[in-house]
Protein backbone atom coordinates (compact mmCIF):
# COMPACT_ATOMS: atom_id res chain seq x y z
CA MET A 1 110.78 62.51 64.58
CA ALA A 2 111.71 58.61 65.16
CA THR A 3 114.94 59.31 64.45
CA THR A 4 115.19 61.44 67.73
CA HIS A 5 113.43 58.47 69.53
CA ALA A 6 116.05 56.18 68.13
CA ALA A 7 119.63 58.42 69.08
CA VAL A 8 117.60 58.80 72.94
CA GLY A 9 117.13 54.57 73.09
CA THR A 10 120.72 54.76 72.59
CA LEU A 11 121.62 57.00 75.25
CA LEU A 12 119.67 55.40 77.31
CA ALA A 13 122.38 52.46 77.49
CA LEU A 14 125.55 54.26 77.57
CA PRO A 15 125.78 53.69 81.42
CA LEU A 16 126.78 49.91 80.73
CA PHE A 17 129.80 50.90 79.31
CA LEU A 18 130.66 51.27 83.24
CA VAL A 19 128.65 48.22 84.47
CA SER A 20 129.10 45.55 81.73
CA PRO A 21 130.82 46.80 78.84
CA GLU A 22 130.36 44.05 76.81
CA LEU A 23 126.45 44.33 76.70
CA ALA A 24 126.59 47.99 75.98
CA ALA A 25 126.10 47.30 72.05
CA THR A 26 123.16 45.22 72.59
CA ALA A 27 121.73 46.99 75.27
CA ALA A 28 122.12 50.24 72.31
CA THR A 29 120.83 48.57 69.72
CA ALA A 30 117.80 46.99 71.14
CA GLY A 31 117.29 50.91 72.43
CA TRP A 32 117.42 51.89 68.89
CA LEU A 33 114.76 49.48 67.75
CA GLY A 34 112.45 50.36 71.01
CA GLY A 35 112.80 53.99 69.78
CA VAL A 36 111.51 53.65 66.53
CA PHE A 37 109.05 50.83 67.57
CA PRO A 38 106.34 53.00 68.47
CA ASP A 39 105.99 55.15 65.69
CA LEU A 40 105.65 51.97 63.51
CA ASP A 41 101.51 52.90 63.95
CA VAL A 42 101.58 56.12 61.82
CA ALA A 43 100.44 55.08 58.60
CA VAL A 44 98.30 52.49 59.24
CA VAL A 45 96.83 53.00 62.09
CA GLU A 46 96.01 55.34 64.90
CA HIS A 47 99.25 57.58 65.32
CA ARG A 48 100.60 57.87 69.33
CA LYS A 49 97.80 55.55 70.07
CA THR A 50 98.08 52.13 68.79
CA LEU A 51 101.29 50.87 69.71
CA HIS A 52 102.36 54.11 72.16
CA TYR A 53 101.67 53.19 75.75
CA PRO A 54 102.67 55.79 78.27
CA ASP A 55 101.08 54.02 81.14
CA TYR A 56 101.59 50.56 80.24
CA TYR A 57 105.02 50.17 78.64
CA TRP A 58 106.22 50.92 82.49
CA LEU A 59 105.01 48.30 83.71
CA LEU A 60 106.67 45.86 81.53
CA ALA A 61 110.11 48.03 81.56
CA PHE A 62 110.68 47.68 85.37
CA PRO A 63 110.87 44.12 85.79
CA LEU A 64 112.76 43.14 83.02
CA LEU A 65 115.31 45.63 83.63
CA GLY A 66 115.30 44.34 87.30
CA VAL A 67 115.49 40.68 85.23
CA ALA A 68 118.40 42.30 83.30
CA ALA A 69 120.29 43.31 86.36
CA ALA A 70 119.92 39.48 87.98
CA TYR A 71 120.60 37.83 85.16
CA PRO A 72 122.80 40.03 82.64
CA GLY A 73 122.79 38.61 79.36
CA PRO A 74 122.64 39.46 75.51
CA ARG A 75 118.39 37.93 75.43
CA THR A 76 117.27 40.10 78.95
CA VAL A 77 119.30 43.07 78.13
CA ALA A 78 117.93 43.15 74.68
CA ALA A 79 114.36 42.76 75.79
CA ALA A 80 114.79 45.40 79.03
CA PHE A 81 115.85 48.33 76.96
CA PHE A 82 113.68 47.49 73.76
CA VAL A 83 110.97 48.29 76.37
CA LEU A 84 112.54 50.61 78.41
CA ALA A 85 113.18 53.08 75.24
CA ALA A 86 109.52 52.21 73.78
CA ALA A 87 108.43 53.88 77.15
CA VAL A 88 110.44 56.92 77.52
CA HIS A 89 109.21 57.65 73.41
CA SER A 90 105.37 56.77 74.30
CA VAL A 91 105.84 59.22 77.39
CA SER A 92 107.77 61.77 75.66
CA ASP A 93 105.85 62.05 72.81
CA VAL A 94 103.38 64.60 75.15
CA PHE A 95 106.29 67.08 75.23
CA GLY A 96 106.20 67.53 71.53
CA GLY A 97 103.18 68.81 68.97
CA SER A 98 100.57 67.37 68.66
CA LEU A 99 98.84 65.05 65.80
CA GLY A 100 96.90 66.64 62.81
CA LEU A 101 98.77 67.28 59.55
CA ARG A 102 100.24 70.67 60.36
CA PRO A 103 101.28 70.48 64.02
CA TRP A 104 102.84 73.91 63.52
CA LEU A 105 99.27 75.29 63.67
CA ALA A 106 99.01 74.06 66.86
CA ASP A 107 95.24 72.55 66.19
CA ASP A 108 95.04 69.51 67.98
CA GLU A 109 95.23 68.81 71.22
CA ARG A 110 95.75 64.88 70.86
CA GLY A 111 99.84 64.73 72.39
CA VAL A 112 99.45 60.90 73.02
CA TYR A 113 96.91 58.30 74.12
CA PHE A 114 96.77 57.51 77.89
CA HIS A 115 95.62 53.93 77.81
CA SER A 116 94.34 53.24 81.74
CA ARG A 117 92.61 56.88 81.74
CA LYS A 118 90.89 56.40 77.96
CA ARG A 119 92.14 59.95 77.09
CA TRP A 120 94.50 61.96 75.27
CA LEU A 121 97.31 64.02 77.21
CA ARG A 122 97.27 67.35 75.92
CA PRO A 123 100.35 68.21 73.96
CA ARG A 124 102.99 70.26 75.51
CA ARG A 125 104.69 71.50 72.99
CA TRP A 126 108.58 72.24 74.19
CA ILE A 127 109.43 71.21 71.06
CA ARG A 128 107.23 72.58 68.72
CA TYR A 129 106.34 69.70 66.26
CA ASP A 130 108.11 66.78 64.71
CA GLY A 131 110.62 67.58 61.82
CA SER A 132 110.99 71.10 64.17
CA PRO A 133 114.31 72.52 64.41
CA GLU A 134 114.70 72.09 67.98
CA ASP A 135 113.67 68.09 67.29
CA LEU A 136 116.75 67.84 65.20
CA LEU A 137 118.91 69.51 67.56
CA VAL A 138 117.85 67.04 70.32
CA GLY A 139 117.84 64.19 68.49
CA THR A 140 122.06 65.21 67.30
CA LEU A 141 122.72 65.77 70.82
CA CYS A 142 121.81 62.58 71.64
CA ALA A 143 123.16 60.59 69.45
CA LEU A 144 126.83 62.01 69.13
CA PRO A 145 127.79 60.48 72.10
CA ALA A 146 127.01 56.56 70.83
CA ILE A 147 128.40 57.90 67.51
CA SER A 148 131.38 58.46 69.45
CA LEU A 149 131.33 55.29 71.52
CA PHE A 150 130.34 52.72 69.06
CA ASP A 151 131.37 51.56 65.43
CA GLY A 152 129.64 48.97 62.63
CA LEU A 153 125.95 49.46 62.10
CA LEU A 154 125.25 50.68 65.17
CA ARG A 155 126.94 53.82 64.23
CA TRP A 156 125.44 54.03 60.80
CA LEU A 157 122.20 53.93 61.64
CA LEU A 158 122.51 56.91 64.52
CA VAL A 159 124.51 59.05 61.32
CA GLY A 160 121.92 58.06 58.87
CA GLY A 161 119.66 59.48 61.18
CA ILE A 162 121.02 62.35 61.55
CA ALA A 163 120.79 62.83 57.82
CA VAL A 164 117.44 61.84 56.91
CA SER A 165 116.55 64.55 59.35
CA VAL A 166 118.52 67.28 58.34
CA VAL A 167 116.13 66.72 55.44
CA TYR A 168 113.22 66.10 57.19
CA THR A 169 113.14 69.10 59.20
CA THR A 170 114.06 70.93 55.44
CA LEU A 171 111.04 69.96 53.92
CA ARG A 172 109.37 69.27 56.73
CA LYS A 173 106.26 72.02 55.99
CA LYS A 174 106.84 71.26 52.25
CA LEU A 175 105.97 67.92 52.42
CA VAL A 176 102.45 68.60 53.59
CA GLU A 177 101.53 70.72 50.58
CA TRP A 178 103.64 67.65 48.03
CA SER A 179 101.41 65.09 49.44
CA PRO A 180 98.83 63.85 47.34
CA ASP A 181 95.03 64.15 48.59
CA TRP A 182 94.90 60.39 48.94
CA LEU A 183 98.11 59.94 51.11
CA LEU A 184 96.75 62.97 54.05
CA ARG A 185 93.56 60.99 54.23
CA LEU A 186 95.38 58.00 55.47
C-alpha cells in the first residue's frame, strides 16, 4: 500500500533526531512524499514500471545523501530523503505480491520492473498483496515511531494513513468485485 511506503519513508528519517534534530521533520516529510511518489503511476500509466526504479533511484540517492551530509540544510536533506524513500519503495515492491487485479491469486509474475535489465523481477510475496493484513501490520509498525516523535501535519498524515489502510485492508478483495468494468480495464 502507498500508506506503508509513506510510513517507511518517514522511518528512514528517524536517525536525524540523533545528528540533526532540526532537520528531522523535513527529512520525514520528504520521506513520506518520496515513499508515495512511485505509486503515482498506478492508474495512469504502467504501475510498478513507469515511476518505479529499483536500480536507478539509488544512483541519485547516494550522491544526494552525500551532499546532504556535507551541506546539511532543508533543501539538500529533503532532496536526499525524497529520493531515498522512492528507492526503498521501488526495491521493496519486489517483496510484495504481484500486479494484477487479484494479486492474492498469485497468477502474475510481475513484481517490479528492473529498467537496467529491461525485465520484470518476480514478486517474492513476503507480503502477499497490497492491502493484506501483513501489509497493514508493517505499515502500522513503521508509522508508530514517527507518530510518537512528530506532531502537526506529518503525524496526522500517518494516523490518517493507518485509518485508510484499515478500511482498505478490510475491503480490499471486495473492491475488485464492486469496481465497474471500465475502471478495471485501466
